């Protein structure tokens, strides 16, 4: 046997050993996952599709969702399944295509790839894998800032895209207290609040739980320690700014610096009706760059940019109002005591945007689905501002029961 032949055999043996380590890592992650609680997206995903993409903010549970599906549905044929994180050093020296090729040769049928945005040429190679291996089913996860359809390769005809949001108030109650309560349809809640809400109040006292949710209930990692939750959330935000966004948007260190400065400024003044010129001067960037950065932070699930109904969110126009994405961010990124009104509006926006179109409106706070008008306030909030408006409701904090068109705030956390 020649030296060249020996070198080739040694290389193949090392590659096989590395693949075996990935199989072992995959098996250990699958065996360790807890399947007692499943996110709302669990029953909405059609896992029979050949290519599934799940995006969402860091920490909302994308990895757990993949591992739960494998354990409950594919664990009887472990040699046909592999889970891999693209942050693994293996992929710094091996291509995705070669990895998939080796996996298929070993009998692989189900390929689960986590944090796809960590791999530089992911879109082209996922397209190639899809085309080269027609019997292989692929599921990928990525940052919420990832534009699956914007990559160099055309995945729009291949990938079925799902977006995983953070925990709803309903899911938080299920995860922490093991009370599994029904999802409420918005139309049904508004028409039949006097029937739907008492059924929930028979099981729980929501006001105390709601305060907990506003503090730490949006991200499932609160279970790792509530006392350290804000530290973990700050680390999550920093990781998103320092690593996830640059890997997706190809931005440099200076851009990350300005993005961090922008989010720090906004955290102290939201909800903010933006003066783009003033804000761009505070941050130290041009007006056009500032607007681009706002939309990047929205894509990354750090901001919500509220538009009037006259503007489309796909346009790079100035938003009507700027909010942090969820109440946990408000409580964590703000140096001073969080304003109750800010928390209320942020919660309402965050929960409604998952399934509904929500816009700013002149006469009140929010217009939902171009049909319902909502005025946000405390328990003593009156209907004065919405008198004479059809399909108008007061959303009131610190009440348990609905009173005519006055709906408890917490009940809007049951929509998914």
Protein backbone atom coordinates (compact mmCIF):
# COMPACT_ATOMS: atom_id res chain seq x y z
CA UNK A 1 0.00 0.00 0.00
CA UNK A 2 1.37 3.40 -1.01
CA UNK A 3 1.86 6.32 1.40
CA UNK A 4 -0.91 8.18 -0.45
CA UNK A 5 -3.33 5.28 0.09
CA UNK A 6 -2.47 5.14 3.79
CA UNK A 7 -3.05 8.88 4.13
CA UNK A 8 -6.44 8.59 2.43
CA UNK A 9 -7.48 5.74 4.74
CA UNK A 10 -6.35 7.70 7.81
CA UNK A 11 -8.31 10.74 6.63
CA UNK A 12 -11.47 8.65 6.08
CA UNK A 13 -11.05 7.05 9.50
CA UNK A 14 -10.74 10.44 11.20
CA UNK A 15 -13.80 11.72 9.33
CA UNK A 16 -15.75 8.65 10.42
CA UNK A 17 -14.64 9.14 14.04
CA UNK A 18 -15.80 12.77 13.95
CA UNK A 19 -19.16 11.74 12.54
CA UNK A 20 -19.48 9.14 15.30
CA UNK A 21 -18.89 11.85 17.92
CA UNK A 22 -21.67 13.92 16.35
CA UNK A 23 -23.98 10.92 16.55
CA UNK A 24 -23.12 10.51 20.23
CA UNK A 25 -23.71 14.19 20.93
CA UNK A 26 -27.02 13.99 19.08
CA UNK A 27 -28.15 10.95 21.05
CA UNK A 28 -27.26 12.55 24.38
CA UNK A 29 -29.16 15.77 23.57
CA UNK A 30 -32.24 13.83 22.45
CA UNK A 31 -32.21 11.59 25.53
CA UNK A 32 -31.94 14.58 27.89
CA UNK A 33 -34.79 16.70 26.52
CA UNK A 34 -37.91 17.17 28.66
CA UNK A 35 -41.12 16.45 26.73
CA UNK A 36 -43.64 17.33 29.45
CA UNK A 37 -44.32 20.81 28.09
CA UNK A 38 -44.66 21.69 24.42
CA UNK A 39 -44.86 25.09 22.78
CA UNK A 40 -47.90 26.34 20.85
CA UNK A 41 -46.12 25.73 17.53
CA UNK A 42 -45.88 21.98 18.18
CA UNK A 43 -49.25 21.18 16.58
CA UNK A 44 -48.89 23.72 13.77
CA UNK A 45 -45.78 22.33 12.10
CA UNK A 46 -46.23 19.89 9.23
CA UNK A 47 -43.19 17.71 9.83
CA UNK A 48 -43.86 15.77 6.62
CA UNK A 49 -42.44 18.59 4.53
CA UNK A 50 -39.00 17.88 3.13
CA UNK A 51 -37.52 21.18 4.32
CA UNK A 52 -38.73 23.01 7.43
CA UNK A 53 -37.22 26.24 8.75
CA UNK A 54 -37.99 27.48 12.27
CA UNK A 55 -36.84 30.96 13.23
CA UNK A 56 -37.23 32.85 16.48
CA UNK A 57 -35.44 34.93 19.09
CA UNK A 58 -32.55 33.39 20.99
CA UNK A 59 -33.85 31.59 24.07
CA UNK A 60 -37.50 31.00 23.07
CA UNK A 61 -37.14 27.21 22.69
CA UNK A 62 -36.32 26.34 19.05
CA UNK A 63 -33.74 23.70 20.00
CA UNK A 64 -36.06 22.10 22.54
CA UNK A 65 -38.81 21.91 19.91
CA UNK A 66 -36.56 19.99 17.52
CA UNK A 67 -35.30 17.59 20.16
CA UNK A 68 -38.81 16.93 21.50
CA UNK A 69 -40.05 16.03 18.03
CA UNK A 70 -37.16 13.62 17.48
CA UNK A 71 -37.61 11.94 20.85
CA UNK A 72 -41.36 11.46 20.50
CA UNK A 73 -41.51 10.52 16.82
CA UNK A 74 -38.17 9.22 15.55
CA UNK A 75 -36.47 7.62 18.53
CA UNK A 76 -37.31 4.06 17.41
CA UNK A 77 -34.87 4.41 14.50
CA UNK A 78 -31.97 6.39 16.04
CA UNK A 79 -29.50 5.53 13.25
CA UNK A 80 -31.72 7.36 10.75
CA UNK A 81 -31.71 10.64 12.72
CA UNK A 82 -29.07 13.18 13.64
CA UNK A 83 -29.22 16.53 15.41
CA UNK A 84 -26.28 18.88 14.95
CA UNK A 85 -25.53 22.41 16.08
CA UNK A 86 -23.79 24.44 13.38
CA UNK A 87 -21.73 26.13 16.10
CA UNK A 88 -19.82 22.84 16.42
CA UNK A 89 -16.13 23.01 15.43
CA UNK A 90 -16.75 20.10 13.06
CA UNK A 91 -18.34 22.51 10.59
CA UNK A 92 -15.31 24.80 10.54
CA UNK A 93 -13.47 22.08 8.61
CA UNK A 94 -16.31 20.14 6.97
CA UNK A 95 -19.03 21.33 4.63
CA UNK A 96 -22.71 20.80 5.23
CA UNK A 97 -23.00 18.96 1.92
CA UNK A 98 -20.24 16.48 2.80
CA UNK A 99 -21.79 16.00 6.24
CA UNK A 100 -25.19 15.23 4.70
CA UNK A 101 -23.59 12.93 2.12
CA UNK A 102 -21.83 10.90 4.82
CA UNK A 103 -25.02 10.81 6.89
CA UNK A 104 -27.12 9.51 3.99
CA UNK A 105 -24.50 6.85 3.17
CA UNK A 106 -24.86 5.63 6.76
CA UNK A 107 -28.63 5.25 6.30
CA UNK A 108 -29.65 8.72 7.50
CA UNK A 109 -33.14 9.97 6.65
CA UNK A 110 -33.80 12.89 9.04
CA UNK A 111 -31.36 15.78 9.36
CA UNK A 112 -31.90 18.44 12.06
CA UNK A 113 -29.59 21.45 11.91
CA UNK A 114 -29.62 23.99 14.73
CA UNK A 115 -28.41 27.63 14.50
CA UNK A 116 -28.03 27.50 10.74
CA UNK A 117 -27.01 31.17 10.69
CA UNK A 118 -23.68 30.16 12.26
CA UNK A 119 -22.68 28.56 8.93
CA UNK A 120 -21.50 31.06 6.34
CA UNK A 121 -22.83 29.54 3.10
CA UNK A 122 -25.88 27.89 4.60
CA UNK A 123 -28.53 28.84 2.03
CA UNK A 124 -26.64 27.50 -1.00
CA UNK A 125 -25.63 24.28 0.74
CA UNK A 126 -29.10 23.63 2.14
CA UNK A 127 -30.44 24.03 -1.41
CA UNK A 128 -27.81 21.58 -2.66
CA UNK A 129 -28.63 19.05 0.06
CA UNK A 130 -32.32 19.37 -0.77
CA UNK A 131 -31.65 18.76 -4.46
CA UNK A 132 -28.99 16.06 -4.10
CA UNK A 133 -30.76 13.87 -1.53
CA UNK A 134 -34.48 13.69 -2.39
CA UNK A 135 -35.22 11.09 0.31
CA UNK A 136 -33.73 13.19 3.11
CA UNK A 137 -35.98 15.31 5.34
CA UNK A 138 -34.38 18.44 6.72
CA UNK A 139 -35.34 20.77 9.58
CA UNK A 140 -33.29 23.87 10.34
CA UNK A 141 -33.48 26.58 12.98
CA UNK A 142 -32.07 30.08 12.85
CA UNK A 143 -32.10 33.51 14.40
CA UNK A 144 -35.28 35.54 14.05
CA UNK A 145 -33.12 38.04 12.13
CA UNK A 146 -32.50 35.38 9.48
CA UNK A 147 -34.26 35.97 6.18
CA UNK A 148 -34.70 32.43 4.88
CA UNK A 149 -35.84 33.61 1.48
CA UNK A 150 -33.20 36.32 0.98
CA UNK A 151 -30.11 34.09 0.82
CA UNK A 152 -27.99 33.50 -2.24
CA UNK A 153 -29.96 30.36 -3.06
CA UNK A 154 -33.68 30.40 -3.79
CA UNK A 155 -35.31 28.49 -0.92
CA UNK A 156 -38.75 30.07 -1.31
CA UNK A 157 -40.07 27.07 -3.29
CA UNK A 158 -38.42 24.56 -0.99
CA UNK A 159 -38.60 25.69 2.64
CA UNK A 160 -41.75 25.93 4.76
CA UNK A 161 -41.10 28.69 7.27
CA UNK A 162 -42.37 28.86 10.86
CA UNK A 163 -41.72 31.58 13.46
CA UNK A 164 -41.55 30.65 17.15
CA UNK A 165 -42.48 33.47 19.54
CA UNK A 166 -41.69 33.65 23.24
CA UNK A 167 -44.07 32.24 25.83
CA UNK A 168 -47.59 33.58 25.96
CA UNK A 169 -49.02 34.25 29.41
CA UNK A 170 -51.05 31.04 29.01
CA UNK A 171 -47.91 29.02 28.21
CA UNK A 172 -46.03 30.55 31.13
CA UNK A 173 -48.76 29.36 33.50
CA UNK A 174 -48.58 25.87 31.99
CA UNK A 175 -44.79 25.69 32.17
CA UNK A 176 -44.37 27.03 35.70
CA UNK A 177 -47.56 25.92 37.46
CA UNK A 178 -48.73 23.00 35.29
CA UNK A 179 -52.17 24.52 34.70
CA UNK A 180 -53.07 23.74 31.10
CA UNK A 181 -55.72 26.24 30.05
CA UNK A 182 -57.39 26.67 26.65
CA UNK A 183 -56.32 29.05 23.91
CA UNK A 184 -58.79 31.88 23.38
CA UNK A 185 -59.78 33.12 19.95
CA UNK A 186 -59.76 36.93 19.82
CA UNK A 187 -63.19 37.28 18.20
CA UNK A 188 -64.68 34.83 20.68
CA UNK A 189 -62.99 36.54 23.66
CA UNK A 190 -64.40 39.92 22.71
CA UNK A 191 -67.92 38.61 22.06
CA UNK A 192 -68.09 36.11 24.92
CA UNK A 193 -65.72 37.41 27.59
CA UNK A 194 -68.35 36.98 30.32
CA UNK A 195 -68.39 33.25 29.54
CA UNK A 196 -64.75 32.49 28.71
CA UNK A 197 -63.03 34.38 31.54
CA UNK A 198 -64.93 32.87 34.54
CA UNK A 199 -63.91 29.39 33.34
CA UNK A 200 -60.26 30.41 33.66
CA UNK A 201 -60.80 32.13 37.02
CA UNK A 202 -62.11 28.84 38.42
CA UNK A 203 -58.60 27.41 37.93
CA UNK A 204 -56.23 30.32 38.67
CA UNK A 205 -55.88 33.75 40.22
CA UNK A 206 -54.28 35.53 37.26
CA UNK A 207 -53.24 38.92 38.64
CA UNK A 208 -50.30 37.67 40.73
CA UNK A 209 -49.18 35.33 37.96
CA UNK A 210 -49.44 38.15 35.46
CA UNK A 211 -46.99 40.27 37.47
CA UNK A 212 -44.54 37.36 37.40
CA UNK A 213 -44.97 36.99 33.66
CA UNK A 214 -44.19 40.65 33.04
CA UNK A 215 -40.97 40.26 35.01
CA UNK A 216 -39.59 36.98 33.65
CA UNK A 217 -42.21 34.91 31.85
CA UNK A 218 -41.56 35.46 28.14
CA UNK A 219 -38.38 33.35 27.84
CA UNK A 220 -38.48 29.68 28.90
CA UNK A 221 -35.01 29.90 30.44
CA UNK A 222 -36.57 31.53 33.53
CA UNK A 223 -36.66 27.94 34.83
CA UNK A 224 -32.88 28.00 35.13
CA UNK A 225 -33.25 30.47 38.00
CA UNK A 226 -35.60 33.41 38.41
CA UNK A 227 -33.11 35.35 40.53
CA UNK A 228 -30.56 35.26 37.69
CA UNK A 229 -33.10 35.79 34.91
CA UNK A 230 -32.17 39.38 34.10
CA UNK A 231 -28.48 38.49 33.96
CA UNK A 232 -29.24 35.71 31.47
CA UNK A 233 -31.48 37.97 29.41
CA UNK A 234 -28.78 40.64 29.18
CA UNK A 235 -26.32 37.95 28.10
CA UNK A 236 -28.83 36.79 25.48
CA UNK A 237 -29.20 40.33 24.11
CA UNK A 238 -25.42 40.77 24.01
CA UNK A 239 -24.96 37.46 22.19
CA UNK A 240 -27.58 38.47 19.67
CA UNK A 241 -25.88 41.82 19.02
CA UNK A 242 -22.30 40.51 19.07
CA UNK A 243 -22.78 37.23 17.21
CA UNK A 244 -26.18 36.50 15.68
CA UNK A 245 -26.80 39.79 13.89
CA UNK A 246 -23.27 40.05 12.44
CA UNK A 247 -23.46 36.48 11.14
CA UNK A 248 -26.79 37.18 9.44
CA UNK A 249 -26.35 40.76 8.23
CA UNK A 250 -22.59 40.90 7.65
CA UNK A 251 -22.18 43.99 9.84
CA UNK A 252 -18.92 45.02 11.47
CA UNK A 253 -17.85 45.95 14.99
CA UNK A 254 -18.73 49.62 14.51
CA UNK A 255 -22.28 48.74 13.49
CA UNK A 256 -22.66 46.52 16.57
CA UNK A 257 -21.45 49.43 18.73
CA UNK A 258 -24.10 51.74 17.26
CA UNK A 259 -26.81 49.09 17.56
CA UNK A 260 -25.98 48.65 21.23
CA UNK A 261 -26.05 52.41 21.74
CA UNK A 262 -29.39 52.65 19.95
CA UNK A 263 -31.07 49.92 22.03
CA UNK A 264 -29.71 51.52 25.24
CA UNK A 265 -31.19 54.90 24.31
CA UNK A 266 -34.54 53.45 23.28
CA UNK A 267 -34.84 51.35 26.44
CA UNK A 268 -35.05 54.56 28.47
CA UNK A 269 -37.64 56.37 26.31
CA UNK A 270 -40.03 53.76 24.89
CA UNK A 271 -42.77 53.95 23.85
CA UNK A 272 -41.20 56.53 21.58
CA UNK A 273 -42.74 58.50 18.74
CA UNK A 274 -39.51 58.89 16.83
CA UNK A 275 -37.80 62.02 15.69
CA UNK A 276 -35.41 60.31 13.32
CA UNK A 277 -33.10 63.30 12.90
CA UNK A 278 -32.65 63.79 16.65
CA UNK A 279 -32.27 60.05 17.29
CA UNK A 280 -29.70 59.64 14.51
CA UNK A 281 -27.67 62.50 16.01
CA UNK A 282 -27.76 60.89 19.47
CA UNK A 283 -26.58 57.56 18.08
CA UNK A 284 -24.04 59.14 15.72
CA UNK A 285 -25.20 57.69 12.39
CA UNK A 286 -27.01 58.98 9.32
CA UNK A 287 -30.78 59.06 9.09
CA UNK A 288 -30.81 56.24 6.53
CA UNK A 289 -28.50 54.10 8.65
CA UNK A 290 -30.62 54.69 11.74
CA UNK A 291 -33.82 53.57 9.99
CA UNK A 292 -31.99 50.46 8.76
CA UNK A 293 -30.77 49.71 12.30
CA UNK A 294 -34.30 50.06 13.67
CA UNK A 295 -35.55 47.46 11.24
CA UNK A 296 -32.62 45.15 12.02
CA UNK A 297 -33.48 45.30 15.73
CA UNK A 298 -37.10 44.59 14.92
CA UNK A 299 -36.11 41.55 12.84
CA UNK A 300 -34.01 40.40 15.77
CA UNK A 301 -37.07 40.56 18.07
CA UNK A 302 -35.63 43.33 20.22
CA UNK A 303 -38.02 46.05 19.02
CA UNK A 304 -41.58 46.37 17.75
CA UNK A 305 -42.03 49.15 15.19
CA UNK A 306 -45.66 50.17 15.18
CA UNK A 307 -46.98 51.59 11.92
CA UNK A 308 -50.18 53.42 11.11
CA UNK A 309 -52.59 51.43 8.98
CA UNK A 310 -51.57 53.63 6.04
CA UNK A 311 -48.04 52.26 6.01
CA UNK A 312 -46.80 48.79 5.20
CA UNK A 313 -44.23 47.28 7.54
CA UNK A 314 -42.17 46.11 4.59
CA UNK A 315 -41.32 49.70 3.65
CA UNK A 316 -38.31 51.38 5.18
CA UNK A 317 -40.46 54.24 6.38
CA UNK A 318 -40.33 55.90 9.78
CA UNK A 319 -42.40 53.93 12.32
CA UNK A 320 -45.22 55.69 14.13
CA UNK A 321 -44.02 54.41 17.50
CA UNK A 322 -41.18 52.29 18.83
CA UNK A 323 -41.47 49.70 21.62
CA UNK A 324 -39.16 47.10 23.10
CA UNK A 325 -40.28 43.66 21.97
CA UNK A 326 -41.68 42.34 25.26
CA UNK A 327 -42.16 43.33 28.93
CA UNK A 328 -39.18 41.25 30.11
CA UNK A 329 -36.89 43.41 27.98
CA UNK A 330 -38.51 46.55 29.39
CA UNK A 331 -37.88 45.42 32.96
CA UNK A 332 -34.33 44.24 32.21
CA UNK A 333 -32.90 46.95 29.94
CA UNK A 334 -34.40 49.98 31.69
CA UNK A 335 -32.29 51.49 34.47
CA UNK A 336 -35.23 53.08 36.28
CA UNK A 337 -38.50 51.58 37.55
CA UNK A 338 -40.53 50.41 34.56
CA UNK A 339 -43.58 52.51 33.76
CA UNK A 340 -46.79 50.54 34.16
CA UNK A 341 -48.31 52.08 31.06
CA UNK A 342 -45.28 51.06 29.00
CA UNK A 343 -45.50 47.48 30.26
CA UNK A 344 -49.21 47.34 29.43
CA UNK A 345 -48.83 48.56 25.86
CA UNK A 346 -45.76 46.40 25.24
CA UNK A 347 -47.52 43.28 26.49
CA UNK A 348 -50.60 43.94 24.38
CA UNK A 349 -48.55 44.55 21.23
CA UNK A 350 -46.34 41.54 21.81
CA UNK A 351 -49.17 39.07 22.35
CA UNK A 352 -51.45 40.37 19.58
CA UNK A 353 -48.79 40.56 16.87
CA UNK A 354 -48.38 36.77 16.78
CA UNK A 355 -51.70 36.14 15.02
CA UNK A 356 -53.09 39.57 14.23
CA UNK A 357 -52.31 42.78 12.34
CA UNK A 358 -51.89 45.67 14.76
CA UNK A 359 -51.50 49.35 13.90
CA UNK A 360 -51.38 52.77 15.53
CA UNK A 361 -54.57 54.81 15.35
CA UNK A 362 -55.26 58.51 15.97
CA UNK A 363 -58.34 58.29 18.17
CA UNK A 364 -57.10 55.55 20.47
CA UNK A 365 -54.12 53.28 21.17
CA UNK A 366 -54.33 50.35 18.75
CA UNK A 367 -56.28 49.11 15.75
CA UNK A 368 -56.33 45.31 15.38
CA UNK A 369 -57.10 43.50 12.14
CA UNK A 370 -58.37 46.84 10.75
CA UNK A 371 -61.53 46.14 12.74
CA UNK A 372 -61.15 46.41 16.52
CA UNK A 373 -60.13 49.58 18.39
CA UNK A 374 -58.45 49.20 21.79
CA UNK A 375 -57.82 51.75 24.51
CA UNK A 376 -55.25 50.64 27.10
CA UNK A 377 -55.34 51.65 30.76
CA UNK A 378 -55.70 50.83 34.43
CA UNK A 379 -58.74 49.43 36.20
CA UNK A 380 -60.40 52.87 36.37
CA UNK A 381 -60.02 53.54 32.65
CA UNK A 382 -63.30 54.76 31.10
CA UNK A 383 -64.72 54.51 27.59
CA UNK A 384 -64.62 58.28 27.09
CA UNK A 385 -61.98 58.23 24.35
CA UNK A 386 -63.71 55.51 22.33
CA UNK A 387 -67.33 56.62 22.73
CA UNK A 388 -69.15 56.30 19.43
CA UNK A 389 -66.49 54.05 17.84
CA UNK A 390 -67.77 50.71 16.57
CA UNK A 391 -66.03 47.54 17.85
CA UNK A 392 -64.13 49.51 20.48
CA UNK A 393 -62.88 48.08 23.77
CA UNK A 394 -61.06 49.17 26.91
CA UNK A 395 -58.28 46.80 27.96
CA UNK A 396 -57.94 47.31 31.72
CA UNK A 397 -55.21 46.22 34.10
CA UNK A 398 -55.80 44.86 37.62
CA UNK A 399 -59.30 43.50 37.02
CA UNK A 400 -60.31 39.86 36.88
CA UNK A 401 -63.71 39.94 35.16
CA UNK A 402 -64.95 41.57 31.98
CA UNK A 403 -67.41 44.43 32.33
CA UNK A 404 -69.33 45.01 29.10
CA UNK A 405 -66.64 46.23 26.64
CA UNK A 406 -63.98 46.44 29.35
CA UNK A 407 -61.74 43.37 29.05
CA UNK A 408 -59.11 42.22 31.58
CA UNK A 409 -55.58 42.84 30.40
CA UNK A 410 -54.24 39.41 31.29
CA UNK A 411 -56.82 37.60 29.12
CA UNK A 412 -54.99 38.76 25.96
CA UNK A 413 -52.16 36.48 27.02
CA UNK A 414 -54.32 33.45 26.14
CA UNK A 415 -54.40 33.99 22.36
CA UNK A 416 -51.73 31.37 21.60
